Structure formats: structure tokens, C-alpha cells
PDB file of N, CA and C in Angstrom:
ATOM      1  N   MET A   1      42.373  14.688   7.207  1.00  0.00           N
ATOM      2  CA  MET A   1      42.364  13.854   6.039  1.00  0.00           C
ATOM      3  C   MET A   1      40.925  13.742   5.559  1.00  0.00           C
ATOM      4  N   SER A   2      40.725  13.958   4.313  1.00  0.00           N
ATOM      5  CA  SER A   2      39.427  13.787   3.693  1.00  0.00           C
ATOM      6  C   SER A   2      39.191  12.304   3.430  1.00  0.00           C
ATOM      7  N   LEU A   3      37.961  11.878   3.596  1.00  0.00           N
ATOM      8  CA  LEU A   3      37.650  10.460   3.394  1.00  0.00           C
ATOM      9  C   LEU A   3      36.704  10.278   2.223  1.00  0.00           C
ATOM     10  N   GLN A   4      37.017  10.919   1.117  1.00  0.00           N
ATOM     11  CA  GLN A   4      36.205  10.780  -0.074  1.00  0.00           C
ATOM     12  C   GLN A   4      36.897   9.864  -1.054  1.00  0.00           C
ATOM     13  N   GLY A   5      36.128   9.339  -1.954  1.00  0.00           N
ATOM     14  CA  GLY A   5      36.704   8.495  -2.989  1.00  0.00           C
ATOM     15  C   GLY A   5      36.005   7.163  -3.047  1.00  0.00           C
ATOM     16  N   CYS A   6      36.322   6.410  -4.031  1.00  0.00           N
ATOM     17  CA  CYS A   6      35.697   5.126  -4.247  1.00  0.00           C
ATOM     18  C   CYS A   6      35.968   4.189  -3.084  1.00  0.00           C
ATOM     19  N   GLY A   7      34.936   3.780  -2.373  1.00  0.00           N
ATOM     20  CA  GLY A   7      35.075   2.794  -1.314  1.00  0.00           C
ATOM     21  C   GLY A   7      35.390   3.359   0.052  1.00  0.00           C
ATOM     22  N   CYS A   8      35.997   4.519   0.119  1.00  0.00           N
ATOM     23  CA  CYS A   8      36.394   5.062   1.416  1.00  0.00           C
ATOM     24  C   CYS A   8      35.335   6.039   1.907  1.00  0.00           C
ATOM     25  N   ASN A   9      34.814   5.758   3.073  1.00  0.00           N
ATOM     26  CA  ASN A   9      33.851   6.654   3.696  1.00  0.00           C
ATOM     27  C   ASN A   9      34.058   6.589   5.204  1.00  0.00           C
ATOM     28  N   ALA A  10      33.285   7.316   5.951  1.00  0.00           N
ATOM     29  CA  ALA A  10      33.461   7.375   7.406  1.00  0.00           C
ATOM     30  C   ALA A  10      33.325   5.996   8.042  1.00  0.00           C
ATOM     31  N   ASP A  11      32.392   5.175   7.575  1.00  0.00           N
ATOM     32  CA  ASP A  11      32.211   3.837   8.144  1.00  0.00           C
ATOM     33  C   ASP A  11      33.432   2.957   7.894  1.00  0.00           C
ATOM     34  N   THR A  12      33.950   3.035   6.687  1.00  0.00           N
ATOM     35  CA  THR A  12      35.146   2.258   6.339  1.00  0.00           C
ATOM     36  C   THR A  12      36.329   2.684   7.193  1.00  0.00           C
ATOM     37  N   ALA A  13      36.537   3.991   7.284  1.00  0.00           N
ATOM     38  CA  ALA A  13      37.650   4.510   8.084  1.00  0.00           C
ATOM     39  C   ALA A  13      37.499   4.121   9.541  1.00  0.00           C
ATOM     40  N   THR A  14      36.291   4.180  10.065  1.00  0.00           N
ATOM     41  CA  THR A  14      36.041   3.798  11.458  1.00  0.00           C
ATOM     42  C   THR A  14      36.373   2.333  11.674  1.00  0.00           C
ATOM     43  N   THR A  15      36.008   1.477  10.738  1.00  0.00           N
ATOM     44  CA  THR A  15      36.325   0.056  10.851  1.00  0.00           C
ATOM     45  C   THR A  15      37.836  -0.156  10.898  1.00  0.00           C
ATOM     46  N   CYS A  16      38.566   0.515  10.015  1.00  0.00           N
ATOM     47  CA  CYS A  16      40.033   0.397  10.005  1.00  0.00           C
ATOM     48  C   CYS A  16      40.622   0.877  11.330  1.00  0.00           C
ATOM     49  N   LEU A  17      40.145   2.004  11.816  1.00  0.00           N
ATOM     50  CA  LEU A  17      40.665   2.567  13.068  1.00  0.00           C
ATOM     51  C   LEU A  17      40.308   1.710  14.280  1.00  0.00           C
ATOM     52  N   ASN A  18      39.097   1.164  14.305  1.00  0.00           N
ATOM     53  CA  ASN A  18      38.698   0.306  15.427  1.00  0.00           C
ATOM     54  C   ASN A  18      39.521  -0.974  15.473  1.00  0.00           C
ATOM     55  N   THR A  19      39.790  -1.537  14.304  1.00  0.00           N
ATOM     56  CA  THR A  19      40.625  -2.738  14.239  1.00  0.00           C
ATOM     57  C   THR A  19      42.016  -2.424  14.766  1.00  0.00           C
ATOM     58  N   TYR A  20      42.570  -1.270  14.350  1.00  0.00           N
ATOM     59  CA  TYR A  20      43.879  -0.849  14.841  1.00  0.00           C
ATOM     60  C   TYR A  20      43.850  -0.659  16.357  1.00  0.00           C
ATOM     61  N   SER A  21      42.856   0.066  16.858  1.00  0.00           N
ATOM     62  CA  SER A  21      42.786   0.364  18.287  1.00  0.00           C
ATOM     63  C   SER A  21      42.754  -0.899  19.131  1.00  0.00           C
ATOM     64  N   THR A  22      41.966  -1.868  18.719  1.00  0.00           N
ATOM     65  CA  THR A  22      41.874  -3.131  19.452  1.00  0.00           C
ATOM     66  C   THR A  22      43.221  -3.838  19.474  1.00  0.00           C
ATOM     67  N   ALA A  23      43.885  -3.896  18.328  1.00  0.00           N
ATOM     68  CA  ALA A  23      45.181  -4.575  18.240  1.00  0.00           C
ATOM     69  C   ALA A  23      46.267  -3.813  19.000  1.00  0.00           C
ATOM     70  N   ALA A  24      46.243  -2.489  18.938  1.00  0.00           N
ATOM     71  CA  ALA A  24      47.256  -1.685  19.633  1.00  0.00           C
ATOM     72  C   ALA A  24      47.116  -1.819  21.144  1.00  0.00           C
ATOM     73  N   VAL A  25      45.900  -1.838  21.637  1.00  0.00           N
ATOM     74  CA  VAL A  25      45.679  -2.026  23.072  1.00  0.00           C
ATOM     75  C   VAL A  25      46.158  -3.408  23.482  1.00  0.00           C
ATOM     76  N   ALA A  26      45.874  -4.402  22.670  1.00  0.00           N
ATOM     77  CA  ALA A  26      46.312  -5.766  22.975  1.00  0.00           C
ATOM     78  C   ALA A  26      47.841  -5.864  22.975  1.00  0.00           C
ATOM     79  N   ALA A  27      48.505  -5.063  22.140  1.00  0.00           N
ATOM     80  CA  ALA A  27      49.969  -5.087  22.077  1.00  0.00           C
ATOM     81  C   ALA A  27      50.589  -4.501  23.342  1.00  0.00           C
ATOM     82  N   ALA A  28      49.891  -3.594  23.992  1.00  0.00           N
ATOM     83  CA  ALA A  28      50.287  -3.011  25.280  1.00  0.00           C
ATOM     84  C   ALA A  28      51.780  -2.711  25.397  1.00  0.00           C
ATOM     85  N   GLY A  29      52.285  -1.877  24.497  1.00  0.00           N
ATOM     86  CA  GLY A  29      53.677  -1.458  24.582  1.00  0.00           C
ATOM     87  C   GLY A  29      54.658  -2.340  23.842  1.00  0.00           C
ATOM     88  N   ASP A  30      54.201  -3.442  23.292  1.00  0.00           N
ATOM     89  CA  ASP A  30      55.065  -4.308  22.496  1.00  0.00           C
ATOM     90  C   ASP A  30      55.251  -3.667  21.125  1.00  0.00           C
ATOM     91  N   VAL A  31      56.483  -3.270  20.811  1.00  0.00           N
ATOM     92  CA  VAL A  31      56.738  -2.550  19.560  1.00  0.00           C
ATOM     93  C   VAL A  31      56.305  -3.364  18.350  1.00  0.00           C
ATOM     94  N   ALA A  32      56.684  -4.621  18.284  1.00  0.00           N
ATOM     95  CA  ALA A  32      56.329  -5.445  17.124  1.00  0.00           C
ATOM     96  C   ALA A  32      54.812  -5.542  16.973  1.00  0.00           C
ATOM     97  N   GLY A  33      54.099  -5.702  18.074  1.00  0.00           N
ATOM     98  CA  GLY A  33      52.642  -5.782  18.028  1.00  0.00           C
ATOM     99  C   GLY A  33      52.007  -4.481  17.582  1.00  0.00           C
ATOM    100  N   THR A  34      52.550  -3.369  18.067  1.00  0.00           N
ATOM    101  CA  THR A  34      52.049  -2.060  17.666  1.00  0.00           C
ATOM    102  C   THR A  34      52.289  -1.831  16.183  1.00  0.00           C
ATOM    103  N   CYS A  35      53.462  -2.218  15.709  1.00  0.00           N
ATOM    104  CA  CYS A  35      53.788  -2.044  14.291  1.00  0.00           C
ATOM    105  C   CYS A  35      52.909  -2.934  13.411  1.00  0.00           C
ATOM    106  N   THR A  36      52.661  -4.139  13.855  1.00  0.00           N
ATOM    107  CA  THR A  36      51.766  -5.032  13.111  1.00  0.00           C
ATOM    108  C   THR A  36      50.372  -4.429  13.037  1.00  0.00           C
ATOM    109  N   ALA A  37      49.902  -3.868  14.141  1.00  0.00           N
ATOM    110  CA  ALA A  37      48.589  -3.219  14.155  1.00  0.00           C
ATOM    111  C   ALA A  37      48.561  -2.051  13.176  1.00  0.00           C
ATOM    112  N   ALA A  38      49.631  -1.262  13.149  1.00  0.00           N
ATOM    113  CA  ALA A  38      49.705  -0.124  12.227  1.00  0.00           C
ATOM    114  C   ALA A  38      49.721  -0.601  10.777  1.00  0.00           C
ATOM    115  N   LYS A  39      50.471  -1.660  10.490  1.00  0.00           N
ATOM    116  CA  LYS A  39      50.518  -2.194   9.125  1.00  0.00           C
ATOM    117  C   LYS A  39      49.142  -2.683   8.689  1.00  0.00           C
ATOM    118  N   THR A  40      48.429  -3.330   9.594  1.00  0.00           N
ATOM    119  CA  THR A  40      47.085  -3.818   9.285  1.00  0.00           C
ATOM    120  C   THR A  40      46.148  -2.650   8.993  1.00  0.00           C
ATOM    121  N   MET A  41      46.254  -1.586   9.795  1.00  0.00           N
ATOM    122  CA  MET A  41      45.414  -0.408   9.581  1.00  0.00           C
ATOM    123  C   MET A  41      45.716   0.222   8.223  1.00  0.00           C
ATOM    124  N   MET A  42      46.995   0.359   7.895  1.00  0.00           N
ATOM    125  CA  MET A  42      47.365   0.962   6.615  1.00  0.00           C
ATOM    126  C   MET A  42      46.872   0.111   5.449  1.00  0.00           C
ATOM    127  N   SER A  43      46.983  -1.199   5.566  1.00  0.00           N
ATOM    128  CA  SER A  43      46.467  -2.088   4.517  1.00  0.00           C
ATOM    129  C   SER A  43      44.967  -1.933   4.373  1.00  0.00           C
ATOM    130  N   CYS A  44      44.278  -1.809   5.494  1.00  0.00           N
ATOM    131  CA  CYS A  44      42.826  -1.619   5.470  1.00  0.00           C
ATOM    132  C   CYS A  44      42.478  -0.351   4.701  1.00  0.00           C
ATOM    133  N   PHE A  45      43.159   0.754   5.024  1.00  0.00           N
ATOM    134  CA  PHE A  45      42.897   2.006   4.303  1.00  0.00           C
ATOM    135  C   PHE A  45      43.172   1.851   2.807  1.00  0.00           C
ATOM    136  N   ALA A  46      44.285   1.243   2.453  1.00  0.00           N
ATOM    137  CA  ALA A  46      44.644   1.074   1.040  1.00  0.00           C
ATOM    138  C   ALA A  46      43.655   0.151   0.326  1.00  0.00           C
ATOM    139  N   ASP A  47      43.298  -0.945   0.981  1.00  0.00           N
ATOM    140  CA  ASP A  47      42.412  -1.940   0.359  1.00  0.00           C
ATOM    141  C   ASP A  47      40.988  -1.431   0.163  1.00  0.00           C
ATOM    142  N   THR A  48      40.594  -0.426   0.934  1.00  0.00           N
ATOM    143  CA  THR A  48      39.219   0.068   0.850  1.00  0.00           C
ATOM    144  C   THR A  48      39.112   1.392   0.108  1.00  0.00           C
ATOM    145  N   GLY A  49      40.152   1.770  -0.601  1.00  0.00           N
ATOM    146  CA  GLY A  49      40.086   2.947  -1.457  1.00  0.00           C
ATOM    147  C   GLY A  49      40.323   4.274  -0.775  1.00  0.00           C
ATOM    148  N   CYS A  50      40.989   4.269   0.378  1.00  0.00           N
ATOM    149  CA  CYS A  50      41.219   5.519   1.107  1.00  0.00           C
ATOM    150  C   CYS A  50      42.489   6.243   0.661  1.00  0.00           C
ATOM    151  N   CYS A  51      43.026   5.883  -0.474  1.00  0.00           N
ATOM    152  CA  CYS A  51      44.197   6.572  -1.032  1.00  0.00           C
ATOM    153  C   CYS A  51      43.785   7.322  -2.284  1.00  0.00           C
ATOM    154  N   GLY A  52      42.527   7.712  -2.338  1.00  0.00           N
ATOM    155  CA  GLY A  52      41.934   8.227  -3.565  1.00  0.00           C
ATOM    156  C   GLY A  52      42.479   9.506  -4.133  1.00  0.00           C
ATOM    157  N   ASP A  53      43.095  10.344  -3.321  1.00  0.00           N
ATOM    158  CA  ASP A  53      43.665  11.563  -3.886  1.00  0.00           C
ATOM    159  C   ASP A  53      44.988  11.880  -3.208  1.00  0.00           C
ATOM    160  N   SER A  54      45.662  12.877  -3.703  1.00  0.00           N
ATOM    161  CA  SER A  54      47.013  13.176  -3.208  1.00  0.00           C
ATOM    162  C   SER A  54      47.011  13.600  -1.749  1.00  0.00           C
ATOM    163  N   ASP A  55      45.968  14.272  -1.267  1.00  0.00           N
ATOM    164  CA  ASP A  55      45.912  14.675   0.140  1.00  0.00           C
ATOM    165  C   ASP A  55      45.784  13.458   1.054  1.00  0.00           C
ATOM    166  N   GLN A  56      44.934  12.516   0.669  1.00  0.00           N
ATOM    167  CA  GLN A  56      44.772  11.289   1.457  1.00  0.00           C
ATOM    168  C   GLN A  56      46.070  10.499   1.474  1.00  0.00           C
ATOM    169  N   LYS A  57      46.690  10.366   0.318  1.00  0.00           N
ATOM    170  CA  LYS A  57      47.950   9.632   0.226  1.00  0.00           C
ATOM    171  C   LYS A  57      49.012  10.299   1.088  1.00  0.00           C
ATOM    172  N   ALA A  58      49.106  11.623   1.021  1.00  0.00           N
ATOM    173  CA  ALA A  58      50.100  12.353   1.810  1.00  0.00           C
ATOM    174  C   ALA A  58      49.866  12.164   3.304  1.00  0.00           C
ATOM    175  N   ALA A  59      48.610  12.179   3.724  1.00  0.00           N
ATOM    176  CA  ALA A  59      48.298  11.989   5.141  1.00  0.00           C
ATOM    177  C   ALA A  59      48.693  10.593   5.611  1.00  0.00           C
ATOM    178  N   LEU A  60      48.394   9.582   4.808  1.00  0.00           N
ATOM    179  CA  LEU A  60      48.752   8.209   5.181  1.00  0.00           C
ATOM    180  C   LEU A  60      50.262   7.981   5.120  1.00  0.00           C
ATOM    181  N   ASP A  61      50.923   8.596   4.141  1.00  0.00           N
ATOM    182  CA  ASP A  61      52.392   8.507   4.077  1.00  0.00           C
ATOM    183  C   ASP A  61      53.011   9.149   5.315  1.00  0.00           C
ATOM    184  N   GLY A  62      52.471  10.289   5.735  1.00  0.00           N
ATOM    185  CA  GLY A  62      52.967  10.960   6.934  1.00  0.00           C
ATOM    186  C   GLY A  62      52.756  10.127   8.181  1.00  0.00           C
ATOM    187  N   LEU A  63      51.622   9.466   8.267  1.00  0.00           N
ATOM    188  CA  LEU A  63      51.341   8.598   9.400  1.00  0.00           C
ATOM    189  C   LEU A  63      52.327   7.438   9.433  1.00  0.00           C
ATOM    190  N   ALA A  64      52.605   6.853   8.281  1.00  0.00           N
ATOM    191  CA  ALA A  64      53.579   5.758   8.203  1.00  0.00           C
ATOM    192  C   ALA A  64      54.960   6.238   8.638  1.00  0.00           C
ATOM    193  N   THR A  65      55.345   7.425   8.208  1.00  0.00           N
ATOM    194  CA  THR A  65      56.638   7.983   8.602  1.00  0.00           C
ATOM    195  C   THR A  65      56.723   8.120  10.118  1.00  0.00           C
ATOM    196  N   GLY A  66      55.651   8.565  10.729  1.00  0.00           N
ATOM    197  CA  GLY A  66      55.619   8.679  12.187  1.00  0.00           C
ATOM    198  C   GLY A  66      55.797   7.333  12.871  1.00  0.00           C
ATOM    199  N   TYR A  67      55.098   6.338  12.401  1.00  0.00           N
ATOM    200  CA  TYR A  67      55.237   4.995  12.983  1.00  0.00           C
ATOM    201  C   TYR A  67      56.655   4.472  12.823  1.00  0.00           C
ATOM    202  N   ASN A  68      57.290   4.826  11.728  1.00  0.00           N
ATOM    203  CA  ASN A  68      58.625   4.297  11.463  1.00  0.00           C
ATOM    204  C   ASN A  68      59.710   4.905  12.341  1.00  0.00           C
ATOM    205  N   MET A  69      59.323   5.775  13.250  1.00  0.00           N
ATOM    206  CA  MET A  69      60.261   6.225  14.274  1.00  0.00           C
ATOM    207  C   MET A  69      60.538   5.069  15.241  1.00  0.00           C
ATOM    208  N   ILE A  70      59.565   4.166  15.391  1.00  0.00           N
ATOM    209  CA  ILE A  70      59.752   2.991  16.253  1.00  0.00           C
ATOM    210  C   ILE A  70      59.671   1.682  15.482  1.00  0.00           C
ATOM    211  N   CYS A  71      59.033   1.703  14.344  1.00  0.00           N
ATOM    212  CA  CYS A  71      58.839   0.498  13.537  1.00  0.00           C
ATOM    213  C   CYS A  71      59.929   0.443  12.466  1.00  0.00           C
ATOM    214  N   THR A  72      60.943  -0.350  12.705  1.00  0.00           N
ATOM    215  CA  THR A  72      62.079  -0.410  11.792  1.00  0.00           C
ATOM    216  C   THR A  72      62.266  -1.829  11.271  1.00  0.00           C
ATOM    217  N   ALA A  73      63.098  -1.944  10.247  1.00  0.00           N
ATOM    218  CA  ALA A  73      63.445  -3.236   9.637  1.00  0.00           C
ATOM    219  C   ALA A  73      62.164  -4.013   9.276  1.00  0.00           C
ATOM    220  N   ASP A  74      62.015  -5.214   9.771  1.00  0.00           N
ATOM    221  CA  ASP A  74      60.849  -6.046   9.435  1.00  0.00           C
ATOM    222  C   ASP A  74      59.545  -5.455   9.951  1.00  0.00           C
ATOM    223  N   ASN A  75      59.630  -4.554  10.910  1.00  0.00           N
ATOM    224  CA  ASN A  75      58.437  -3.931  11.487  1.00  0.00           C
ATOM    225  C   ASN A  75      58.028  -2.644  10.763  1.00  0.00           C
ATOM    226  N   ALA A  76      58.796  -2.223   9.760  1.00  0.00           N
ATOM    227  CA  ALA A  76      58.530  -0.953   9.076  1.00  0.00           C
ATOM    228  C   ALA A  76      57.123  -0.927   8.493  1.00  0.00           C
ATOM    229  N   VAL A  77      56.523   0.258   8.550  1.00  0.00           N
ATOM    230  CA  VAL A  77      55.152   0.476   8.099  1.00  0.00           C
ATOM    231  C   VAL A  77      55.179   1.272   6.796  1.00  0.00           C
ATOM    232  N   THR A  78      54.347   0.886   5.841  1.00  0.00           N
ATOM    233  CA  THR A  78      54.152   1.678   4.625  1.00  0.00           C
ATOM    234  C   THR A  78      52.680   2.025   4.515  1.00  0.00           C
ATOM    235  N   SER A  79      52.389   3.076   3.789  1.00  0.00           N
ATOM    236  CA  SER A  79      50.993   3.489   3.664  1.00  0.00           C
ATOM    237  C   SER A  79      50.200   2.561   2.760  1.00  0.00           C
ATOM    238  N   GLY A  80      50.873   1.884   1.866  1.00  0.00           N
ATOM    239  CA  GLY A  80      50.163   1.011   0.923  1.00  0.00           C
ATOM    240  C   GLY A  80      49.521   1.767  -0.213  1.00  0.00           C
ATOM    241  N   CYS A  81      49.673   3.074  -0.232  1.00  0.00           N
ATOM    242  CA  CYS A  81      49.059   3.891  -1.287  1.00  0.00           C
ATOM    243  C   CYS A  81      49.964   3.976  -2.495  1.00  0.00           C
TER     244      CYS A  81
END
């Protein structure tokens, strides 16, 4: 995934990923906690301009689809793009 565009850069992406990693580790196998962490990460990417082009959007949509193998109903994840 390319990290170009208004607001999205390597530092921004790292911040989003670090926040996710901390929350996912804390969830320790809890599906709802993992899904919440994924939703927060996706919101972070969307809020910081990481959906700037079709390739970025497609990558984040694909990631959301992967999470939704376990994140269903109220736990469902969207890319936010």
C-alpha cells in the first residue's frame, strides 16, 4: 500500500498501526476487542487522509474484508474510505 496523499505519511501510518498493535495485544484473543482495535485503526487511516487514491482504498477495503471473517454483526469492520 502506498502512503502518499494529503495527511498520510509513514509517521501517520506508524501511529495508526502502533495504536492497533497495543489494543490487539491487550485483547489477547478476545474477538470483540480485536475487532474494536481494527475499527480504531481503520478510522485512524481514514481520518488522517490514508484513503487518498484507489490503490490505498482498495488495500484498506481488502484488510476490512479479512477482518470480517471474524468480525461480524456489531463487530464488523469497514475501511472508512
